[in-house]
Amino acid sequence: MIEKTYSFHQSDEKMIEQIVDDDNLVINHIILTKDTSLPIHYSNSNVYLIIIRGQMTISLNDEEAQKYSKGNIVNVPYKTKMNINNFDDDLLEFFVVKSPNPKDMLKNDN
């Protein structure tokens, strides 16, 4: 078998899981319930947020918060301050794709 397969959990509860961490990239799967958020942090690679359920409220650096819904892909540049929230009744579910792998970004910073 040439291909590798990965699975992710389906849930209606808050969840953060890492699905892939290989030489090429990192993929995380996140579910946020109403009025929950991720800790404010800085992107450690080029980040793509793929929203598959609900609405994401995101503030980058010191900009005004923007709202994106399922079907949107949001690209966040390296070293950007991120504040991701779910202020809506529906669950927010999204994938975080980091490319290249943040380990490689750290090597380039040195």
PDB file of N, CA and C in Angstrom:
ATOM      1  N   MET A   1       0.837  -1.170   0.000  1.00  0.00           N
ATOM      2  CA  MET A   1       0.000   0.000   0.000  1.00  0.00           C
ATOM      3  C   MET A   1       0.893   1.248   0.000  1.00  0.00           C
ATOM      4  N   ILE A   2       0.715   2.091  -0.958  1.00  0.00           N
ATOM      5  CA  ILE A   2       1.508   3.311  -1.084  1.00  0.00           C
ATOM      6  C   ILE A   2       0.988   4.415  -0.184  1.00  0.00           C
ATOM      7  N   GLU A   3      -0.327   4.537  -0.136  1.00  0.00           N
ATOM      8  CA  GLU A   3      -0.929   5.659   0.589  1.00  0.00           C
ATOM      9  C   GLU A   3      -0.946   5.429   2.092  1.00  0.00           C
ATOM     10  N   LYS A   4      -1.015   6.530   2.815  1.00  0.00           N
ATOM     11  CA  LYS A   4      -1.251   6.505   4.254  1.00  0.00           C
ATOM     12  C   LYS A   4      -2.638   7.074   4.466  1.00  0.00           C
ATOM     13  N   THR A   5      -3.314   6.583   5.466  1.00  0.00           N
ATOM     14  CA  THR A   5      -4.624   7.142   5.790  1.00  0.00           C
ATOM     15  C   THR A   5      -4.597   7.688   7.208  1.00  0.00           C
ATOM     16  N   TYR A   6      -5.396   8.698   7.434  1.00  0.00           N
ATOM     17  CA  TYR A   6      -5.502   9.334   8.741  1.00  0.00           C
ATOM     18  C   TYR A   6      -6.983   9.482   9.054  1.00  0.00           C
ATOM     19  N   SER A   7      -7.316   9.416  10.303  1.00  0.00           N
ATOM     20  CA  SER A   7      -8.715   9.610  10.674  1.00  0.00           C
ATOM     21  C   SER A   7      -8.806  10.706  11.731  1.00  0.00           C
ATOM     22  N   PHE A   8      -9.982  11.284  11.832  1.00  0.00           N
ATOM     23  CA  PHE A   8     -10.229  12.290  12.856  1.00  0.00           C
ATOM     24  C   PHE A   8     -11.556  11.971  13.514  1.00  0.00           C
ATOM     25  N   HIS A   9     -11.705  12.454  14.733  1.00  0.00           N
ATOM     26  CA  HIS A   9     -12.894  12.152  15.523  1.00  0.00           C
ATOM     27  C   HIS A   9     -14.046  13.088  15.180  1.00  0.00           C
ATOM     28  N   GLN A  10     -15.243  12.567  15.302  1.00  0.00           N
ATOM     29  CA  GLN A  10     -16.455  13.363  15.144  1.00  0.00           C
ATOM     30  C   GLN A  10     -17.026  13.543  16.545  1.00  0.00           C
ATOM     31  N   SER A  11     -17.380  14.787  16.867  1.00  0.00           N
ATOM     32  CA  SER A  11     -17.853  15.060  18.223  1.00  0.00           C
ATOM     33  C   SER A  11     -18.716  16.319  18.230  1.00  0.00           C
ATOM     34  N   ASP A  12     -19.481  16.463  19.291  1.00  0.00           N
ATOM     35  CA  ASP A  12     -20.211  17.701  19.536  1.00  0.00           C
ATOM     36  C   ASP A  12     -19.653  18.410  20.768  1.00  0.00           C
ATOM     37  N   GLU A  13     -18.479  18.007  21.194  1.00  0.00           N
ATOM     38  CA  GLU A  13     -17.795  18.603  22.340  1.00  0.00           C
ATOM     39  C   GLU A  13     -16.537  19.313  21.863  1.00  0.00           C
ATOM     40  N   LYS A  14     -16.034  20.243  22.672  1.00  0.00           N
ATOM     41  CA  LYS A  14     -14.783  20.925  22.342  1.00  0.00           C
ATOM     42  C   LYS A  14     -13.671  19.892  22.227  1.00  0.00           C
ATOM     43  N   MET A  15     -12.871  20.030  21.187  1.00  0.00           N
ATOM     44  CA  MET A  15     -11.817  19.043  20.955  1.00  0.00           C
ATOM     45  C   MET A  15     -10.707  19.668  20.111  1.00  0.00           C
ATOM     46  N   ILE A  16      -9.483  19.305  20.432  1.00  0.00           N
ATOM     47  CA  ILE A  16      -8.319  19.681  19.630  1.00  0.00           C
ATOM     48  C   ILE A  16      -7.495  18.419  19.465  1.00  0.00           C
ATOM     49  N   GLU A  17      -7.275  18.021  18.207  1.00  0.00           N
ATOM     50  CA  GLU A  17      -6.480  16.817  17.977  1.00  0.00           C
ATOM     51  C   GLU A  17      -5.512  17.042  16.815  1.00  0.00           C
ATOM     52  N   GLN A  18      -4.326  16.495  16.968  1.00  0.00           N
ATOM     53  CA  GLN A  18      -3.362  16.540  15.869  1.00  0.00           C
ATOM     54  C   GLN A  18      -3.537  15.274  15.045  1.00  0.00           C
ATOM     55  N   ILE A  19      -3.705  15.459  13.740  1.00  0.00           N
ATOM     56  CA  ILE A  19      -3.946  14.325  12.850  1.00  0.00           C
ATOM     57  C   ILE A  19      -2.664  13.905  12.139  1.00  0.00           C
ATOM     58  N   VAL A  20      -1.925  14.890  11.627  1.00  0.00           N
ATOM     59  CA  VAL A  20      -0.706  14.611  10.871  1.00  0.00           C
ATOM     60  C   VAL A  20       0.407  15.503  11.392  1.00  0.00           C
ATOM     61  N   ASP A  21       1.585  14.921  11.559  1.00  0.00           N
ATOM     62  CA  ASP A  21       2.801  15.673  11.873  1.00  0.00           C
ATOM     63  C   ASP A  21       3.938  14.931  11.184  1.00  0.00           C
ATOM     64  N   ASP A  22       4.199  15.321   9.928  1.00  0.00           N
ATOM     65  CA  ASP A  22       5.265  14.646   9.193  1.00  0.00           C
ATOM     66  C   ASP A  22       6.252  15.667   8.636  1.00  0.00           C
ATOM     67  N   ASP A  23       7.130  15.234   7.745  1.00  0.00           N
ATOM     68  CA  ASP A  23       8.159  16.127   7.212  1.00  0.00           C
ATOM     69  C   ASP A  23       7.583  17.286   6.410  1.00  0.00           C
ATOM     70  N   ASN A  24       6.383  17.138   5.893  1.00  0.00           N
ATOM     71  CA  ASN A  24       5.820  18.146   4.999  1.00  0.00           C
ATOM     72  C   ASN A  24       4.934  19.169   5.682  1.00  0.00           C
ATOM     73  N   LEU A  25       4.134  18.715   6.623  1.00  0.00           N
ATOM     74  CA  LEU A  25       3.139  19.612   7.199  1.00  0.00           C
ATOM     75  C   LEU A  25       2.589  19.074   8.497  1.00  0.00           C
ATOM     76  N   VAL A  26       1.742  19.905   9.120  1.00  0.00           N
ATOM     77  CA  VAL A  26       0.985  19.523  10.311  1.00  0.00           C
ATOM     78  C   VAL A  26      -0.475  19.799  10.006  1.00  0.00           C
ATOM     79  N   ILE A  27      -1.350  18.865  10.392  1.00  0.00           N
ATOM     80  CA  ILE A  27      -2.794  19.071  10.267  1.00  0.00           C
ATOM     81  C   ILE A  27      -3.430  18.809  11.628  1.00  0.00           C
ATOM     82  N   ASN A  28      -4.168  19.814  12.112  1.00  0.00           N
ATOM     83  CA  ASN A  28      -4.925  19.693  13.351  1.00  0.00           C
ATOM     84  C   ASN A  28      -6.412  19.773  13.033  1.00  0.00           C
ATOM     85  N   HIS A  29      -7.201  19.151  13.857  1.00  0.00           N
ATOM     86  CA  HIS A  29      -8.666  19.179  13.740  1.00  0.00           C
ATOM     87  C   HIS A  29      -9.199  19.765  15.037  1.00  0.00           C
ATOM     88  N   ILE A  30     -10.061  20.789  14.920  1.00  0.00           N
ATOM     89  CA  ILE A  30     -10.527  21.502  16.109  1.00  0.00           C
ATOM     90  C   ILE A  30     -12.046  21.680  16.052  1.00  0.00           C
ATOM     91  N   ILE A  31     -12.690  21.459  17.190  1.00  0.00           N
ATOM     92  CA  ILE A  31     -14.109  21.747  17.360  1.00  0.00           C
ATOM     93  C   ILE A  31     -14.241  22.670  18.567  1.00  0.00           C
ATOM     94  N   LEU A  32     -14.929  23.802  18.364  1.00  0.00           N
ATOM     95  CA  LEU A  32     -15.183  24.738  19.453  1.00  0.00           C
ATOM     96  C   LEU A  32     -16.690  24.882  19.644  1.00  0.00           C
ATOM     97  N   THR A  33     -17.137  24.750  20.886  1.00  0.00           N
ATOM     98  CA  THR A  33     -18.536  24.962  21.221  1.00  0.00           C
ATOM     99  C   THR A  33     -18.782  26.458  21.433  1.00  0.00           C
ATOM    100  N   LYS A  34     -20.039  26.830  21.598  1.00  0.00           N
ATOM    101  CA  LYS A  34     -20.393  28.241  21.778  1.00  0.00           C
ATOM    102  C   LYS A  34     -19.597  28.870  22.922  1.00  0.00           C
ATOM    103  N   ASP A  35     -19.106  30.074  22.669  1.00  0.00           N
ATOM    104  CA  ASP A  35     -18.367  30.882  23.642  1.00  0.00           C
ATOM    105  C   ASP A  35     -17.067  30.239  24.116  1.00  0.00           C
ATOM    106  N   THR A  36     -16.455  29.411  23.252  1.00  0.00           N
ATOM    107  CA  THR A  36     -15.123  28.892  23.555  1.00  0.00           C
ATOM    108  C   THR A  36     -14.155  29.421  22.506  1.00  0.00           C
ATOM    109  N   SER A  37     -12.867  29.304  22.825  1.00  0.00           N
ATOM    110  CA  SER A  37     -11.841  29.853  21.945  1.00  0.00           C
ATOM    111  C   SER A  37     -10.553  29.072  22.094  1.00  0.00           C
ATOM    112  N   LEU A  38      -9.625  29.374  21.211  1.00  0.00           N
ATOM    113  CA  LEU A  38      -8.259  28.882  21.364  1.00  0.00           C
ATOM    114  C   LEU A  38      -7.472  29.934  22.132  1.00  0.00           C
ATOM    115  N   PRO A  39      -6.416  29.542  22.822  1.00  0.00           N
ATOM    116  CA  PRO A  39      -5.569  30.560  23.455  1.00  0.00           C
ATOM    117  C   PRO A  39      -5.002  31.490  22.378  1.00  0.00           C
ATOM    118  N   ILE A  40      -4.889  32.758  22.700  1.00  0.00           N
ATOM    119  CA  ILE A  40      -4.254  33.692  21.764  1.00  0.00           C
ATOM    120  C   ILE A  40      -2.812  33.256  21.579  1.00  0.00           C
ATOM    121  N   HIS A  41      -2.381  33.168  20.309  1.00  0.00           N
ATOM    122  CA  HIS A  41      -1.035  32.697  20.015  1.00  0.00           C
ATOM    123  C   HIS A  41      -0.580  33.249  18.664  1.00  0.00           C
ATOM    124  N   TYR A  42       0.690  33.038  18.353  1.00  0.00           N
ATOM    125  CA  TYR A  42       1.246  33.468  17.072  1.00  0.00           C
ATOM    126  C   TYR A  42       1.388  32.253  16.162  1.00  0.00           C
ATOM    127  N   SER A  43       1.070  32.437  14.897  1.00  0.00           N
ATOM    128  CA  SER A  43       1.193  31.334  13.938  1.00  0.00           C
ATOM    129  C   SER A  43       2.667  30.945  13.825  1.00  0.00           C
ATOM    130  N   ASN A  44       2.922  29.651  13.850  1.00  0.00           N
ATOM    131  CA  ASN A  44       4.296  29.153  13.808  1.00  0.00           C
ATOM    132  C   ASN A  44       4.676  28.584  12.447  1.00  0.00           C
ATOM    133  N   SER A  45       3.860  28.880  11.440  1.00  0.00           N
ATOM    134  CA  SER A  45       4.110  28.486  10.055  1.00  0.00           C
ATOM    135  C   SER A  45       3.110  29.257   9.190  1.00  0.00           C
ATOM    136  N   ASN A  46       3.074  28.941   7.910  1.00  0.00           N
ATOM    137  CA  ASN A  46       1.981  29.419   7.065  1.00  0.00           C
ATOM    138  C   ASN A  46       0.779  28.567   7.419  1.00  0.00           C
ATOM    139  N   VAL A  47      -0.322  29.200   7.791  1.00  0.00           N
ATOM    140  CA  VAL A  47      -1.471  28.479   8.327  1.00  0.00           C
ATOM    141  C   VAL A  47      -2.679  28.651   7.409  1.00  0.00           C
ATOM    142  N   TYR A  48      -3.376  27.550   7.182  1.00  0.00           N
ATOM    143  CA  TYR A  48      -4.629  27.566   6.424  1.00  0.00           C
ATOM    144  C   TYR A  48      -5.707  26.990   7.329  1.00  0.00           C
ATOM    145  N   LEU A  49      -6.748  27.766   7.573  1.00  0.00           N
ATOM    146  CA  LEU A  49      -7.868  27.358   8.412  1.00  0.00           C
ATOM    147  C   LEU A  49      -9.021  26.986   7.484  1.00  0.00           C
ATOM    148  N   ILE A  50      -9.400  25.712   7.475  1.00  0.00           N
ATOM    149  CA  ILE A  50     -10.446  25.213   6.593  1.00  0.00           C
ATOM    150  C   ILE A  50     -11.693  24.972   7.438  1.00  0.00           C
ATOM    151  N   ILE A  51     -12.693  25.822   7.266  1.00  0.00           N
ATOM    152  CA  ILE A  51     -13.892  25.776   8.107  1.00  0.00           C
ATOM    153  C   ILE A  51     -14.912  24.833   7.473  1.00  0.00           C
ATOM    154  N   ILE A  52     -15.312  23.810   8.224  1.00  0.00           N
ATOM    155  CA  ILE A  52     -16.250  22.831   7.674  1.00  0.00           C
ATOM    156  C   ILE A  52     -17.606  22.837   8.382  1.00  0.00           C
ATOM    157  N   ARG A  53     -17.709  23.571   9.505  1.00  0.00           N
ATOM    158  CA  ARG A  53     -18.988  23.649  10.206  1.00  0.00           C
ATOM    159  C   ARG A  53     -18.988  24.909  11.063  1.00  0.00           C
ATOM    160  N   GLY A  54     -20.079  25.663  11.046  1.00  0.00           N
ATOM    161  CA  GLY A  54     -20.233  26.817  11.908  1.00  0.00           C
ATOM    162  C   GLY A  54     -19.592  28.083  11.377  1.00  0.00           C
ATOM    163  N   GLN A  55     -19.360  29.030  12.318  1.00  0.00           N
ATOM    164  CA  GLN A  55     -18.780  30.323  11.986  1.00  0.00           C
ATOM    165  C   GLN A  55     -17.615  30.624  12.919  1.00  0.00           C
ATOM    166  N   MET A  56     -16.518  31.058  12.325  1.00  0.00           N
ATOM    167  CA  MET A  56     -15.311  31.418  13.067  1.00  0.00           C
ATOM    168  C   MET A  56     -15.228  32.937  13.166  1.00  0.00           C
ATOM    169  N   THR A  57     -14.979  33.420  14.367  1.00  0.00           N
ATOM    170  CA  THR A  57     -14.646  34.826  14.557  1.00  0.00           C
ATOM    171  C   THR A  57     -13.156  34.876  14.846  1.00  0.00           C
ATOM    172  N   ILE A  58     -12.411  35.596  14.000  1.00  0.00           N
ATOM    173  CA  ILE A  58     -10.957  35.610  14.128  1.00  0.00           C
ATOM    174  C   ILE A  58     -10.446  37.036  14.056  1.00  0.00           C
ATOM    175  N   SER A  59      -9.543  37.341  14.973  1.00  0.00           N
ATOM    176  CA  SER A  59      -8.854  38.625  14.975  1.00  0.00           C
ATOM    177  C   SER A  59      -7.374  38.338  14.777  1.00  0.00           C
ATOM    178  N   LEU A  60      -6.770  39.016  13.810  1.00  0.00           N
ATOM    179  CA  LEU A  60      -5.347  38.830  13.501  1.00  0.00           C
ATOM    180  C   LEU A  60      -4.581  40.099  13.835  1.00  0.00           C
ATOM    181  N   ASN A  61      -3.464  39.935  14.539  1.00  0.00           N
ATOM    182  CA  ASN A  61      -2.689  41.067  15.045  1.00  0.00           C
ATOM    183  C   ASN A  61      -3.640  42.008  15.766  1.00  0.00           C
ATOM    184  N   ASP A  62      -3.658  43.264  15.429  1.00  0.00           N
ATOM    185  CA  ASP A  62      -4.544  44.210  16.117  1.00  0.00           C
ATOM    186  C   ASP A  62      -5.716  44.633  15.241  1.00  0.00           C
ATOM    187  N   GLU A  63      -6.009  43.854  14.210  1.00  0.00           N
ATOM    188  CA  GLU A  63      -7.114  44.189  13.318  1.00  0.00           C
ATOM    189  C   GLU A  63      -8.461  43.846  13.941  1.00  0.00           C
ATOM    190  N   GLU A  64      -9.509  44.462  13.393  1.00  0.00           N
ATOM    191  CA  GLU A  64     -10.870  44.179  13.829  1.00  0.00           C
ATOM    192  C   GLU A  64     -11.224  42.730  13.504  1.00  0.00           C
ATOM    193  N   ALA A  65     -11.990  42.094  14.369  1.00  0.00           N
ATOM    194  CA  ALA A  65     -12.380  40.697  14.173  1.00  0.00           C
ATOM    195  C   ALA A  65     -13.212  40.548  12.899  1.00  0.00           C
ATOM    196  N   GLN A  66     -13.006  39.427  12.209  1.00  0.00           N
ATOM    197  CA  GLN A  66     -13.751  39.079  11.007  1.00  0.00           C
ATOM    198  C   GLN A  66     -14.464  37.756  11.265  1.00  0.00           C
ATOM    199  N   LYS A  67     -15.557  37.534  10.560  1.00  0.00           N
ATOM    200  CA  LYS A  67     -16.323  36.303  10.712  1.00  0.00           C
ATOM    201  C   LYS A  67     -16.284  35.530   9.391  1.00  0.00           C
ATOM    202  N   TYR A  68     -15.986  34.231   9.488  1.00  0.00           N
ATOM    203  CA  TYR A  68     -15.955  33.351   8.320  1.00  0.00           C
ATOM    204  C   TYR A  68     -16.786  32.113   8.632  1.00  0.00           C
ATOM    205  N   SER A  69     -17.441  31.573   7.612  1.00  0.00           N
ATOM    206  CA  SER A  69     -18.315  30.426   7.837  1.00  0.00           C
ATOM    207  C   SER A  69     -17.857  29.224   7.029  1.00  0.00           C
ATOM    208  N   LYS A  70     -18.565  28.101   7.245  1.00  0.00           N
ATOM    209  CA  LYS A  70     -18.196  26.851   6.576  1.00  0.00           C
ATOM    210  C   LYS A  70     -18.058  27.089   5.081  1.00  0.00           C
ATOM    211  N   GLY A  71     -17.067  26.420   4.514  1.00  0.00           N
ATOM    212  CA  GLY A  71     -16.775  26.594   3.102  1.00  0.00           C
ATOM    213  C   GLY A  71     -15.670  27.590   2.842  1.00  0.00           C
ATOM    214  N   ASN A  72     -15.241  28.336   3.865  1.00  0.00           N
ATOM    215  CA  ASN A  72     -14.148  29.288   3.708  1.00  0.00           C
ATOM    216  C   ASN A  72     -12.823  28.674   4.121  1.00  0.00           C
ATOM    217  N   ILE A  73     -11.764  29.115   3.448  1.00  0.00           N
ATOM    218  CA  ILE A  73     -10.394  28.795   3.834  1.00  0.00           C
ATOM    219  C   ILE A  73      -9.700  30.121   4.106  1.00  0.00           C
ATOM    220  N   VAL A  74      -9.158  30.267   5.310  1.00  0.00           N
ATOM    221  CA  VAL A  74      -8.502  31.501   5.722  1.00  0.00           C
ATOM    222  C   VAL A  74      -7.006  31.234   5.809  1.00  0.00           C
ATOM    223  N   ASN A  75      -6.214  32.018   5.087  1.00  0.00           N
ATOM    224  CA  ASN A  75      -4.754  31.897   5.120  1.00  0.00           C
ATOM    225  C   ASN A  75      -4.194  32.928   6.087  1.00  0.00           C
ATOM    226  N   VAL A  76      -3.402  32.453   7.053  1.00  0.00           N
ATOM    227  CA  VAL A  76      -2.786  33.326   8.049  1.00  0.00           C
ATOM    228  C   VAL A  76      -1.272  33.239   7.871  1.00  0.00           C
ATOM    229  N   PRO A  77      -0.614  34.375   7.630  1.00  0.00           N
ATOM    230  CA  PRO A  77       0.844  34.351   7.444  1.00  0.00           C
ATOM    231  C   PRO A  77       1.595  33.972   8.723  1.00  0.00           C
ATOM    232  N   TYR A  78       2.814  33.534   8.525  1.00  0.00           N
ATOM    233  CA  TYR A  78       3.741  33.188   9.605  1.00  0.00           C
ATOM    234  C   TYR A  78       3.910  34.369  10.568  1.00  0.00           C
ATOM    235  N   LYS A  79       3.982  34.069  11.855  1.00  0.00           N
ATOM    236  CA  LYS A  79       4.221  35.026  12.939  1.00  0.00           C
ATOM    237  C   LYS A  79       3.115  36.071  13.079  1.00  0.00           C
ATOM    238  N   THR A  80       1.884  35.659  12.831  1.00  0.00           N
ATOM    239  CA  THR A  80       0.730  36.534  12.993  1.00  0.00           C
ATOM    240  C   THR A  80       0.014  36.179  14.288  1.00  0.00           C
ATOM    241  N   LYS A  81      -0.338  37.178  15.067  1.00  0.00           N
ATOM    242  CA  LYS A  81      -1.093  36.972  16.311  1.00  0.00           C
ATOM    243  C   LYS A  81      -2.511  36.551  15.948  1.00  0.00           C
ATOM    244  N   MET A  82      -2.967  35.440  16.525  1.00  0.00           N
ATOM    245  CA  MET A  82      -4.270  34.864  16.191  1.00  0.00           C
ATOM    246  C   MET A  82      -5.153  34.765  17.426  1.00  0.00           C
ATOM    247  N   ASN A  83      -6.401  35.172  17.261  1.00  0.00           N
ATOM    248  CA  ASN A  83      -7.404  35.043  18.321  1.00  0.00           C
ATOM    249  C   ASN A  83      -8.646  34.443  17.662  1.00  0.00           C
ATOM    250  N   ILE A  84      -8.884  33.141  17.880  1.00  0.00           N
ATOM    251  CA  ILE A  84      -9.978  32.410  17.229  1.00  0.00           C
ATOM    252  C   ILE A  84     -11.051  32.070  18.256  1.00  0.00           C
ATOM    253  N   ASN A  85     -12.312  32.439  17.925  1.00  0.00           N
ATOM    254  CA  ASN A  85     -13.437  32.253  18.839  1.00  0.00           C
ATOM    255  C   ASN A  85     -14.645  31.688  18.111  1.00  0.00           C
ATOM    256  N   ASN A  86     -15.517  31.048  18.903  1.00  0.00           N
ATOM    257  CA  ASN A  86     -16.849  30.679  18.433  1.00  0.00           C
ATOM    258  C   ASN A  86     -17.854  31.390  19.332  1.00  0.00           C
ATOM    259  N   PHE A  87     -18.455  32.454  18.806  1.00  0.00           N
ATOM    260  CA  PHE A  87     -19.454  33.205  19.553  1.00  0.00           C
ATOM    261  C   PHE A  87     -20.879  32.804  19.159  1.00  0.00           C
ATOM    262  N   ASP A  88     -21.019  31.818  18.277  1.00  0.00           N
ATOM    263  CA  ASP A  88     -22.322  31.441  17.736  1.00  0.00           C
ATOM    264  C   ASP A  88     -22.851  30.165  18.385  1.00  0.00           C
ATOM    265  N   ASP A  89     -24.154  29.939  18.215  1.00  0.00           N
ATOM    266  CA  ASP A  89     -24.796  28.761  18.800  1.00  0.00           C
ATOM    267  C   ASP A  89     -24.295  27.452  18.189  1.00  0.00           C
ATOM    268  N   ASP A  90     -24.049  27.456  16.872  1.00  0.00           N
ATOM    269  CA  ASP A  90     -23.601  26.238  16.192  1.00  0.00           C
ATOM    270  C   ASP A  90     -22.157  25.916  16.537  1.00  0.00           C
ATOM    271  N   LEU A  91     -21.826  24.637  16.491  1.00  0.00           N
ATOM    272  CA  LEU A  91     -20.439  24.221  16.677  1.00  0.00           C
ATOM    273  C   LEU A  91     -19.579  24.807  15.569  1.00  0.00           C
ATOM    274  N   LEU A  92     -18.354  25.157  15.904  1.00  0.00           N
ATOM    275  CA  LEU A  92     -17.351  25.562  14.929  1.00  0.00           C
ATOM    276  C   LEU A  92     -16.376  24.397  14.777  1.00  0.00           C
ATOM    277  N   GLU A  93     -16.249  23.894  13.557  1.00  0.00           N
ATOM    278  CA  GLU A  93     -15.319  22.793  13.291  1.00  0.00           C
ATOM    279  C   GLU A  93     -14.439  23.209  12.126  1.00  0.00           C
ATOM    280  N   PHE A  94     -13.129  23.016  12.302  1.00  0.00           N
ATOM    281  CA  PHE A  94     -12.202  23.405  11.245  1.00  0.00           C
ATOM    282  C   PHE A  94     -10.916  22.599  11.333  1.00  0.00           C
ATOM    283  N   PHE A  95     -10.206  22.595  10.217  1.00  0.00           N
ATOM    284  CA  PHE A  95      -8.888  21.983  10.129  1.00  0.00           C
ATOM    285  C   PHE A  95      -7.852  23.087  10.047  1.00  0.00           C
ATOM    286  N   VAL A  96      -6.715  22.861  10.678  1.00  0.00           N
ATOM    287  CA  VAL A  96      -5.585  23.776  10.612  1.00  0.00           C
ATOM    288  C   VAL A  96      -4.479  23.047   9.857  1.00  0.00           C
ATOM    289  N   VAL A  97      -4.086  23.604   8.717  1.00  0.00           N
ATOM    290  CA  VAL A  97      -2.999  23.027   7.924  1.00  0.00           C
ATOM    291  C   VAL A  97      -1.818  23.974   8.023  1.00  0.00           C
ATOM    292  N   LYS A  98      -0.689  23.455   8.507  1.00  0.00           N
ATOM    293  CA  LYS A  98       0.528  24.256   8.650  1.00  0.00           C
ATOM    294  C   LYS A  98       1.577  23.710   7.685  1.00  0.00           C
ATOM    295  N   SER A  99       2.015  24.577   6.780  1.00  0.00           N
ATOM    296  CA  SER A  99       3.003  24.155   5.796  1.00  0.00           C
ATOM    297  C   SER A  99       3.968  25.297   5.528  1.00  0.00           C
ATOM    298  N   PRO A 100       5.270  25.030   5.619  1.00  0.00           N
ATOM    299  CA  PRO A 100       5.872  23.758   5.993  1.00  0.00           C
ATOM    300  C   PRO A 100       5.653  23.449   7.473  1.00  0.00           C
ATOM    301  N   ASN A 101       6.077  22.261   7.858  1.00  0.00           N
ATOM    302  CA  ASN A 101       5.995  21.858   9.248  1.00  0.00           C
ATOM    303  C   ASN A 101       6.670  22.933  10.104  1.00  0.00           C
ATOM    304  N   PRO A 102       6.055  23.348  11.215  1.00  0.00           N
ATOM    305  CA  PRO A 102       6.666  24.385  12.066  1.00  0.00           C
ATOM    306  C   PRO A 102       8.099  24.083  12.489  1.00  0.00           C
ATOM    307  N   LYS A 103       8.458  22.816  12.588  1.00  0.00           N
ATOM    308  CA  LYS A 103       9.845  22.472  12.914  1.00  0.00           C
ATOM    309  C   LYS A 103      10.815  23.056  11.889  1.00  0.00           C
ATOM    310  N   ASP A 104      10.404  23.045  10.613  1.00  0.00           N
ATOM    311  CA  ASP A 104      11.250  23.605   9.550  1.00  0.00           C
ATOM    312  C   ASP A 104      11.294  25.118   9.645  1.00  0.00           C
ATOM    313  N   MET A 105      10.211  25.747  10.058  1.00  0.00           N
ATOM    314  CA  MET A 105      10.187  27.205  10.194  1.00  0.00           C
ATOM    315  C   MET A 105      11.171  27.634  11.287  1.00  0.00           C
ATOM    316  N   LEU A 106      11.256  26.866  12.356  1.00  0.00           N
ATOM    317  CA  LEU A 106      12.194  27.190  13.433  1.00  0.00           C
ATOM    318  C   LEU A 106      13.635  27.099  12.952  1.00  0.00           C
ATOM    319  N   LYS A 107      13.923  26.101  12.120  1.00  0.00           N
ATOM    320  CA  LYS A 107      15.283  25.965  11.564  1.00  0.00           C
ATOM    321  C   LYS A 107      15.646  27.190  10.727  1.00  0.00           C
ATOM    322  N   ASN A 108      14.683  27.707   9.957  1.00  0.00           N
ATOM    323  CA  ASN A 108      14.932  28.855   9.102  1.00  0.00           C
ATOM    324  C   ASN A 108      15.105  30.139   9.876  1.00  0.00           C
ATOM    325  N   ASP A 109      14.545  30.210  11.090  1.00  0.00           N
ATOM    326  CA  ASP A 109      14.667  31.413  11.908  1.00  0.00           C
ATOM    327  C   ASP A 109      16.059  31.549  12.528  1.00  0.00           C
ATOM    328  N   ASN A 110      16.748  30.450  12.636  1.00  0.00           N
ATOM    329  CA  ASN A 110      18.076  30.479  13.299  1.00  0.00           C
ATOM    330  C   ASN A 110      19.171  30.885  12.357  1.00  0.00           C
TER     331      ASN A 110
END
